[in-house]
Amino acid sequence: MTTQFPAEHFIAARPIGAPVSIAARGEYGRVFDLHPALFALTVGGYLAYLGVMAAAFMAPDLVIPMAIFVLFVIAGFGTPALFARIAPPPPGRAPGWSQFMAEGFDCMTGHLSGRATAVQVLIMPALILLWGVGIAIIAATVR
């Protein structure tokens, strides 16, 4: 189901460019508020899909396009990772995976458990990878 929010909901109470307090970003204040393992698993899922496609359909003419696809994935996920690294280091210790899974995640629509958060983040890379495996199996049986 969808929820419609009025435009006033999105107008910030603070001026643009004002620093966000640590309390407003959470106890640890991670830049993206998700555990880095979810980020790595997402990147791994997309790269695994490209690996499956390369293994199933690789020909000499496809080496350069596959290399470009890999570079696009690395650039698309590497740029935000670089932005996260240049942010000032947050105070305190980063929570581990078990703590993230136990505490869950607060999003705009409410609190999610750790498992629900992982499912929402990883569903698209997993479906794309499964689709690629299915296509590779179909191509192998047709040949």
N, C-alpha and C. Protein backbone atom coordinates (compact mmCIF):
# COMPACT_ATOMS: atom_id res chain seq x y z
N MET A 1 0.83 -1.16 0.00
CA MET A 1 0.00 0.00 0.00
C MET A 1 0.89 1.24 0.00
N THR A 2 0.37 2.28 -0.54
CA THR A 2 1.11 3.53 -0.58
C THR A 2 0.51 4.53 0.38
N THR A 3 1.33 5.45 0.81
CA THR A 3 0.89 6.52 1.69
C THR A 3 1.24 7.84 1.05
N GLN A 4 0.26 8.70 0.94
CA GLN A 4 0.54 10.01 0.35
C GLN A 4 0.87 10.98 1.48
N PHE A 5 1.99 11.68 1.32
CA PHE A 5 2.42 12.66 2.29
C PHE A 5 2.24 14.05 1.70
N PRO A 6 1.77 15.01 2.49
CA PRO A 6 1.65 16.38 1.98
C PRO A 6 3.03 16.98 1.77
N ALA A 7 3.11 18.00 0.93
CA ALA A 7 4.39 18.63 0.62
C ALA A 7 5.06 19.19 1.87
N GLU A 8 4.25 19.61 2.86
CA GLU A 8 4.83 20.17 4.08
C GLU A 8 5.63 19.13 4.85
N HIS A 9 5.32 17.87 4.63
CA HIS A 9 6.04 16.80 5.32
C HIS A 9 7.53 16.79 4.94
N PHE A 10 7.83 17.20 3.72
CA PHE A 10 9.19 17.11 3.22
C PHE A 10 9.98 18.39 3.40
N ILE A 11 9.35 19.44 3.84
CA ILE A 11 10.06 20.69 4.05
C ILE A 11 10.84 20.57 5.35
N ALA A 12 12.11 20.76 5.27
CA ALA A 12 12.98 20.58 6.43
C ALA A 12 12.77 21.71 7.43
N ALA A 13 12.90 21.36 8.70
CA ALA A 13 12.77 22.35 9.75
C ALA A 13 14.06 23.12 9.96
N ARG A 14 15.12 22.66 9.34
CA ARG A 14 16.41 23.33 9.49
C ARG A 14 16.82 23.92 8.15
N PRO A 15 17.64 24.96 8.15
CA PRO A 15 18.09 25.53 6.89
C PRO A 15 18.95 24.55 6.10
N ILE A 16 18.93 24.71 4.79
CA ILE A 16 19.73 23.85 3.92
C ILE A 16 21.20 24.09 4.23
N GLY A 17 21.94 23.02 4.39
CA GLY A 17 23.37 23.12 4.67
C GLY A 17 23.69 23.12 6.15
N ALA A 18 22.67 23.22 7.03
CA ALA A 18 22.93 23.19 8.47
C ALA A 18 23.35 21.78 8.86
N PRO A 19 24.30 21.66 9.76
CA PRO A 19 24.76 20.32 10.14
C PRO A 19 23.66 19.54 10.86
N VAL A 20 23.63 18.26 10.61
CA VAL A 20 22.69 17.37 11.28
C VAL A 20 23.35 16.86 12.54
N SER A 21 22.65 16.94 13.64
CA SER A 21 23.23 16.50 14.90
C SER A 21 23.37 14.98 14.91
N ILE A 22 24.26 14.50 15.74
CA ILE A 22 24.46 13.05 15.86
C ILE A 22 23.17 12.39 16.35
N ALA A 23 22.45 13.05 17.24
CA ALA A 23 21.21 12.46 17.75
C ALA A 23 20.19 12.29 16.63
N ALA A 24 20.18 13.19 15.66
CA ALA A 24 19.23 13.09 14.56
C ALA A 24 19.59 11.96 13.61
N ARG A 25 20.87 11.56 13.57
CA ARG A 25 21.29 10.50 12.67
C ARG A 25 21.33 9.15 13.36
N GLY A 26 21.02 9.08 14.61
CA GLY A 26 21.07 7.81 15.33
C GLY A 26 22.27 7.78 16.25
N GLU A 27 22.36 6.71 17.04
CA GLU A 27 23.42 6.62 18.03
C GLU A 27 24.80 6.61 17.41
N TYR A 28 24.99 5.83 16.38
CA TYR A 28 26.30 5.72 15.75
C TYR A 28 26.46 6.74 14.63
N GLY A 29 25.40 7.04 13.92
CA GLY A 29 25.46 8.05 12.87
C GLY A 29 26.14 7.60 11.60
N ARG A 30 25.94 6.35 11.20
CA ARG A 30 26.52 5.91 9.93
C ARG A 30 25.97 6.78 8.81
N VAL A 31 26.73 6.91 7.76
CA VAL A 31 26.33 7.78 6.67
C VAL A 31 25.06 7.27 6.01
N PHE A 32 24.96 5.97 5.75
CA PHE A 32 23.79 5.43 5.08
C PHE A 32 22.87 4.68 6.03
N ASP A 33 23.20 4.60 7.28
CA ASP A 33 22.40 3.96 8.34
C ASP A 33 22.17 2.48 8.14
N LEU A 34 22.74 1.87 7.15
CA LEU A 34 22.64 0.43 6.97
C LEU A 34 24.01 -0.19 7.20
N HIS A 35 24.01 -1.45 7.56
CA HIS A 35 25.28 -2.13 7.80
C HIS A 35 26.05 -2.24 6.48
N PRO A 36 27.35 -2.03 6.50
CA PRO A 36 28.14 -2.11 5.26
C PRO A 36 28.07 -3.47 4.57
N ALA A 37 27.76 -4.52 5.31
CA ALA A 37 27.66 -5.84 4.69
C ALA A 37 26.52 -5.88 3.67
N LEU A 38 25.44 -5.15 3.92
CA LEU A 38 24.34 -5.10 2.96
C LEU A 38 24.79 -4.42 1.67
N PHE A 39 25.59 -3.39 1.81
CA PHE A 39 26.14 -2.70 0.64
C PHE A 39 27.02 -3.66 -0.16
N ALA A 40 27.90 -4.38 0.54
CA ALA A 40 28.81 -5.32 -0.13
C ALA A 40 28.04 -6.46 -0.78
N LEU A 41 27.00 -6.96 -0.12
CA LEU A 41 26.21 -8.04 -0.72
C LEU A 41 25.45 -7.57 -1.95
N THR A 42 24.99 -6.33 -1.94
CA THR A 42 24.32 -5.78 -3.12
C THR A 42 25.28 -5.71 -4.31
N VAL A 43 26.46 -5.16 -4.08
CA VAL A 43 27.47 -5.08 -5.13
C VAL A 43 27.84 -6.48 -5.61
N GLY A 44 28.01 -7.40 -4.67
CA GLY A 44 28.35 -8.77 -5.03
C GLY A 44 27.27 -9.44 -5.87
N GLY A 45 26.01 -9.15 -5.57
CA GLY A 45 24.91 -9.72 -6.35
C GLY A 45 24.93 -9.25 -7.79
N TYR A 46 25.16 -7.96 -8.00
CA TYR A 46 25.21 -7.44 -9.37
C TYR A 46 26.44 -7.95 -10.12
N LEU A 47 27.57 -8.03 -9.44
CA LEU A 47 28.77 -8.56 -10.10
C LEU A 47 28.62 -10.06 -10.38
N ALA A 48 27.94 -10.79 -9.49
CA ALA A 48 27.69 -12.21 -9.74
C ALA A 48 26.80 -12.39 -10.96
N TYR A 49 25.81 -11.52 -11.13
CA TYR A 49 24.96 -11.58 -12.32
C TYR A 49 25.80 -11.38 -13.58
N LEU A 50 26.69 -10.40 -13.55
CA LEU A 50 27.55 -10.18 -14.72
C LEU A 50 28.46 -11.38 -14.96
N GLY A 51 28.90 -12.01 -13.89
CA GLY A 51 29.72 -13.22 -14.03
C GLY A 51 28.95 -14.36 -14.67
N VAL A 52 27.70 -14.53 -14.27
CA VAL A 52 26.86 -15.59 -14.85
C VAL A 52 26.63 -15.31 -16.34
N MET A 53 26.34 -14.07 -16.67
CA MET A 53 26.12 -13.72 -18.08
C MET A 53 27.40 -13.90 -18.89
N ALA A 54 28.54 -13.54 -18.30
CA ALA A 54 29.80 -13.72 -19.01
C ALA A 54 30.10 -15.20 -19.22
N ALA A 55 29.84 -16.02 -18.22
CA ALA A 55 30.10 -17.45 -18.35
C ALA A 55 29.16 -18.09 -19.37
N ALA A 56 27.94 -17.62 -19.45
CA ALA A 56 26.96 -18.24 -20.34
C ALA A 56 27.10 -17.78 -21.79
N PHE A 57 27.45 -16.53 -21.99
CA PHE A 57 27.40 -15.97 -23.35
C PHE A 57 28.71 -15.37 -23.83
N MET A 58 29.81 -15.61 -23.15
CA MET A 58 31.05 -14.93 -23.49
C MET A 58 31.55 -15.34 -24.87
N ALA A 59 31.89 -14.33 -25.60
CA ALA A 59 32.50 -14.46 -26.91
C ALA A 59 33.56 -13.37 -27.00
N PRO A 60 34.50 -13.49 -27.92
CA PRO A 60 35.54 -12.46 -28.01
C PRO A 60 34.98 -11.04 -28.22
N ASP A 61 33.84 -10.95 -28.88
CA ASP A 61 33.26 -9.63 -29.12
C ASP A 61 32.64 -9.01 -27.86
N LEU A 62 32.40 -9.81 -26.84
CA LEU A 62 31.74 -9.32 -25.63
C LEU A 62 32.68 -8.98 -24.49
N VAL A 63 33.98 -9.11 -24.70
CA VAL A 63 34.93 -8.83 -23.61
C VAL A 63 34.88 -7.36 -23.22
N ILE A 64 34.92 -6.47 -24.18
CA ILE A 64 34.91 -5.03 -23.87
C ILE A 64 33.57 -4.60 -23.28
N PRO A 65 32.41 -5.00 -23.83
CA PRO A 65 31.15 -4.61 -23.17
C PRO A 65 31.04 -5.14 -21.74
N MET A 66 31.48 -6.36 -21.49
CA MET A 66 31.43 -6.90 -20.12
C MET A 66 32.34 -6.10 -19.19
N ALA A 67 33.50 -5.73 -19.67
CA ALA A 67 34.40 -4.91 -18.85
C ALA A 67 33.76 -3.56 -18.55
N ILE A 68 33.07 -3.00 -19.52
CA ILE A 68 32.38 -1.71 -19.30
C ILE A 68 31.26 -1.88 -18.29
N PHE A 69 30.50 -2.98 -18.36
CA PHE A 69 29.43 -3.23 -17.39
C PHE A 69 29.99 -3.33 -15.98
N VAL A 70 31.10 -4.05 -15.83
CA VAL A 70 31.72 -4.18 -14.51
C VAL A 70 32.19 -2.82 -14.01
N LEU A 71 32.79 -2.03 -14.89
CA LEU A 71 33.22 -0.69 -14.49
C LEU A 71 32.05 0.19 -14.07
N PHE A 72 30.92 0.07 -14.76
CA PHE A 72 29.73 0.84 -14.38
C PHE A 72 29.23 0.44 -13.00
N VAL A 73 29.21 -0.85 -12.71
CA VAL A 73 28.77 -1.30 -11.39
C VAL A 73 29.73 -0.80 -10.32
N ILE A 74 31.01 -0.93 -10.57
CA ILE A 74 32.01 -0.46 -9.60
C ILE A 74 31.90 1.05 -9.40
N ALA A 75 31.74 1.80 -10.48
CA ALA A 75 31.62 3.25 -10.36
C ALA A 75 30.31 3.64 -9.68
N GLY A 76 29.23 2.95 -10.02
CA GLY A 76 27.93 3.27 -9.44
C GLY A 76 27.86 3.03 -7.95
N PHE A 77 28.55 2.01 -7.47
CA PHE A 77 28.56 1.74 -6.03
C PHE A 77 29.81 2.30 -5.36
N GLY A 78 30.86 2.51 -6.11
CA GLY A 78 32.10 3.03 -5.52
C GLY A 78 32.01 4.51 -5.18
N THR A 79 31.28 5.27 -5.97
CA THR A 79 31.16 6.71 -5.70
C THR A 79 30.49 6.97 -4.35
N PRO A 80 29.33 6.36 -4.05
CA PRO A 80 28.76 6.56 -2.72
C PRO A 80 29.67 6.04 -1.60
N ALA A 81 30.40 4.96 -1.87
CA ALA A 81 31.32 4.45 -0.85
C ALA A 81 32.42 5.46 -0.57
N LEU A 82 32.90 6.13 -1.61
CA LEU A 82 33.91 7.17 -1.39
C LEU A 82 33.33 8.35 -0.62
N PHE A 83 32.09 8.73 -0.92
CA PHE A 83 31.44 9.80 -0.16
C PHE A 83 31.31 9.42 1.31
N ALA A 84 31.00 8.16 1.57
CA ALA A 84 30.86 7.71 2.96
C ALA A 84 32.21 7.76 3.68
N ARG A 85 33.28 7.50 2.96
CA ARG A 85 34.61 7.52 3.59
C ARG A 85 35.10 8.92 3.91
N ILE A 86 34.67 9.92 3.14
CA ILE A 86 35.16 11.27 3.42
C ILE A 86 34.33 11.98 4.48
N ALA A 87 33.22 11.36 4.90
CA ALA A 87 32.42 11.94 5.98
C ALA A 87 33.24 11.89 7.27
N PRO A 88 33.01 12.83 8.18
CA PRO A 88 33.76 12.78 9.43
C PRO A 88 33.47 11.49 10.19
N PRO A 89 34.47 10.95 10.84
CA PRO A 89 34.24 9.68 11.53
C PRO A 89 33.23 9.86 12.66
N PRO A 90 32.24 8.98 12.72
CA PRO A 90 31.23 9.09 13.76
C PRO A 90 31.79 8.69 15.12
N PRO A 91 31.23 9.25 16.18
CA PRO A 91 31.70 8.86 17.50
C PRO A 91 31.22 7.45 17.85
N GLY A 92 31.93 6.82 18.72
CA GLY A 92 31.53 5.50 19.17
C GLY A 92 32.02 4.40 18.26
N ARG A 93 31.59 3.21 18.58
CA ARG A 93 31.99 2.03 17.83
C ARG A 93 30.89 1.61 16.88
N ALA A 94 31.25 1.19 15.70
CA ALA A 94 30.26 0.74 14.72
C ALA A 94 29.62 -0.55 15.22
N PRO A 95 28.29 -0.65 15.13
CA PRO A 95 27.64 -1.89 15.57
C PRO A 95 27.95 -3.04 14.62
N GLY A 96 28.04 -4.22 15.17
CA GLY A 96 28.30 -5.40 14.35
C GLY A 96 27.04 -5.89 13.66
N TRP A 97 27.22 -6.94 12.86
CA TRP A 97 26.11 -7.51 12.11
C TRP A 97 25.02 -8.03 13.05
N SER A 98 25.41 -8.72 14.11
CA SER A 98 24.41 -9.28 15.02
C SER A 98 23.62 -8.18 15.72
N GLN A 99 24.29 -7.08 16.07
CA GLN A 99 23.58 -5.96 16.69
C GLN A 99 22.63 -5.30 15.69
N PHE A 100 23.07 -5.16 14.43
CA PHE A 100 22.20 -4.59 13.40
C PHE A 100 20.97 -5.47 13.20
N MET A 101 21.16 -6.78 13.15
CA MET A 101 20.03 -7.69 12.95
C MET A 101 19.09 -7.67 14.16
N ALA A 102 19.63 -7.49 15.36
CA ALA A 102 18.79 -7.46 16.56
C ALA A 102 18.01 -6.15 16.67
N GLU A 103 18.65 -5.03 16.35
CA GLU A 103 18.01 -3.73 16.51
C GLU A 103 17.12 -3.36 15.33
N GLY A 104 17.45 -3.81 14.16
CA GLY A 104 16.66 -3.47 12.98
C GLY A 104 16.99 -2.09 12.45
N PHE A 105 16.02 -1.49 11.77
CA PHE A 105 16.26 -0.24 11.06
C PHE A 105 14.98 0.59 11.09
N ASP A 106 15.12 1.88 11.35
CA ASP A 106 13.98 2.79 11.32
C ASP A 106 13.95 3.49 9.97
N CYS A 107 12.86 3.32 9.25
CA CYS A 107 12.70 3.99 7.96
C CYS A 107 11.47 4.88 8.01
N MET A 108 11.16 5.49 6.91
CA MET A 108 10.06 6.46 6.87
C MET A 108 8.70 5.82 7.20
N THR A 109 8.54 4.57 6.89
CA THR A 109 7.26 3.91 7.14
C THR A 109 7.21 3.18 8.47
N GLY A 110 8.25 3.24 9.25
CA GLY A 110 8.26 2.60 10.56
C GLY A 110 9.50 1.76 10.78
N HIS A 111 9.48 1.01 11.86
CA HIS A 111 10.63 0.19 12.22
C HIS A 111 10.57 -1.14 11.48
N LEU A 112 11.73 -1.58 10.98
CA LEU A 112 11.86 -2.88 10.33
C LEU A 112 12.82 -3.73 11.13
N SER A 113 12.55 -5.02 11.19
CA SER A 113 13.50 -5.92 11.83
C SER A 113 14.74 -6.03 10.94
N GLY A 114 15.79 -6.58 11.49
CA GLY A 114 17.02 -6.74 10.70
C GLY A 114 16.81 -7.63 9.49
N ARG A 115 16.05 -8.69 9.68
CA ARG A 115 15.78 -9.61 8.57
C ARG A 115 14.96 -8.93 7.48
N ALA A 116 13.94 -8.16 7.87
CA ALA A 116 13.12 -7.45 6.88
C ALA A 116 13.95 -6.41 6.13
N THR A 117 14.85 -5.77 6.84
CA THR A 117 15.73 -4.79 6.18
C THR A 117 16.61 -5.47 5.15
N ALA A 118 17.20 -6.60 5.52
CA ALA A 118 18.06 -7.33 4.59
C ALA A 118 17.28 -7.79 3.37
N VAL A 119 16.05 -8.26 3.58
CA VAL A 119 15.22 -8.71 2.46
C VAL A 119 14.92 -7.54 1.52
N GLN A 120 14.54 -6.40 2.08
CA GLN A 120 14.21 -5.26 1.23
C GLN A 120 15.41 -4.76 0.45
N VAL A 121 16.58 -4.79 1.05
CA VAL A 121 17.77 -4.29 0.36
C VAL A 121 18.27 -5.29 -0.68
N LEU A 122 18.19 -6.57 -0.38
CA LEU A 122 18.81 -7.58 -1.23
C LEU A 122 17.84 -8.25 -2.21
N ILE A 123 16.57 -7.90 -2.20
CA ILE A 123 15.61 -8.59 -3.07
C ILE A 123 15.91 -8.34 -4.55
N MET A 124 16.23 -7.12 -4.91
CA MET A 124 16.47 -6.83 -6.33
C MET A 124 17.74 -7.52 -6.85
N PRO A 125 18.89 -7.42 -6.18
CA PRO A 125 20.05 -8.15 -6.70
C PRO A 125 19.81 -9.66 -6.74
N ALA A 126 19.08 -10.21 -5.75
CA ALA A 126 18.83 -11.64 -5.74
C ALA A 126 17.94 -12.05 -6.91
N LEU A 127 16.90 -11.28 -7.17
CA LEU A 127 16.01 -11.61 -8.29
C LEU A 127 16.73 -11.48 -9.63
N ILE A 128 17.55 -10.46 -9.77
CA ILE A 128 18.30 -10.30 -11.02
C ILE A 128 19.27 -11.45 -11.21
N LEU A 129 19.93 -11.86 -10.14
CA LEU A 129 20.86 -13.00 -10.23
C LEU A 129 20.11 -14.28 -10.58
N LEU A 130 18.98 -14.53 -9.94
CA LEU A 130 18.19 -15.72 -10.26
C LEU A 130 17.68 -15.68 -11.70
N TRP A 131 17.28 -14.51 -12.16
CA TRP A 131 16.85 -14.37 -13.55
C TRP A 131 18.01 -14.71 -14.49
N GLY A 132 19.20 -14.21 -14.19
CA GLY A 132 20.38 -14.50 -15.01
C GLY A 132 20.71 -15.98 -15.03
N VAL A 133 20.60 -16.64 -13.89
CA VAL A 133 20.85 -18.09 -13.84
C VAL A 133 19.80 -18.82 -14.67
N GLY A 134 18.54 -18.39 -14.57
CA GLY A 134 17.49 -19.01 -15.38
C GLY A 134 17.75 -18.85 -16.87
N ILE A 135 18.13 -17.66 -17.27
CA ILE A 135 18.44 -17.42 -18.69
C ILE A 135 19.62 -18.25 -19.13
N ALA A 136 20.64 -18.37 -18.29
CA ALA A 136 21.82 -19.17 -18.64
C ALA A 136 21.44 -20.66 -18.78
N ILE A 137 20.54 -21.14 -17.92
CA ILE A 137 20.10 -22.53 -18.01
C ILE A 137 19.30 -22.75 -19.30
N ILE A 138 18.42 -21.82 -19.61
CA ILE A 138 17.65 -21.94 -20.85
C ILE A 138 18.57 -21.92 -22.06
N ALA A 139 19.54 -21.02 -22.07
CA ALA A 139 20.46 -20.94 -23.20
C ALA A 139 21.29 -22.21 -23.32
N ALA A 140 21.69 -22.79 -22.19
CA ALA A 140 22.49 -24.02 -22.25
C ALA A 140 21.67 -25.20 -22.76
N THR A 141 20.39 -25.26 -22.43
CA THR A 141 19.58 -26.38 -22.89
C THR A 141 19.16 -26.22 -24.35
N VAL A 142 19.09 -25.01 -24.85
CA VAL A 142 18.68 -24.78 -26.24
C VAL A 142 19.83 -25.06 -27.20
N ARG A 143 21.04 -24.82 -26.77
CA ARG A 143 22.20 -25.00 -27.67
C ARG A 143 22.42 -26.42 -28.05
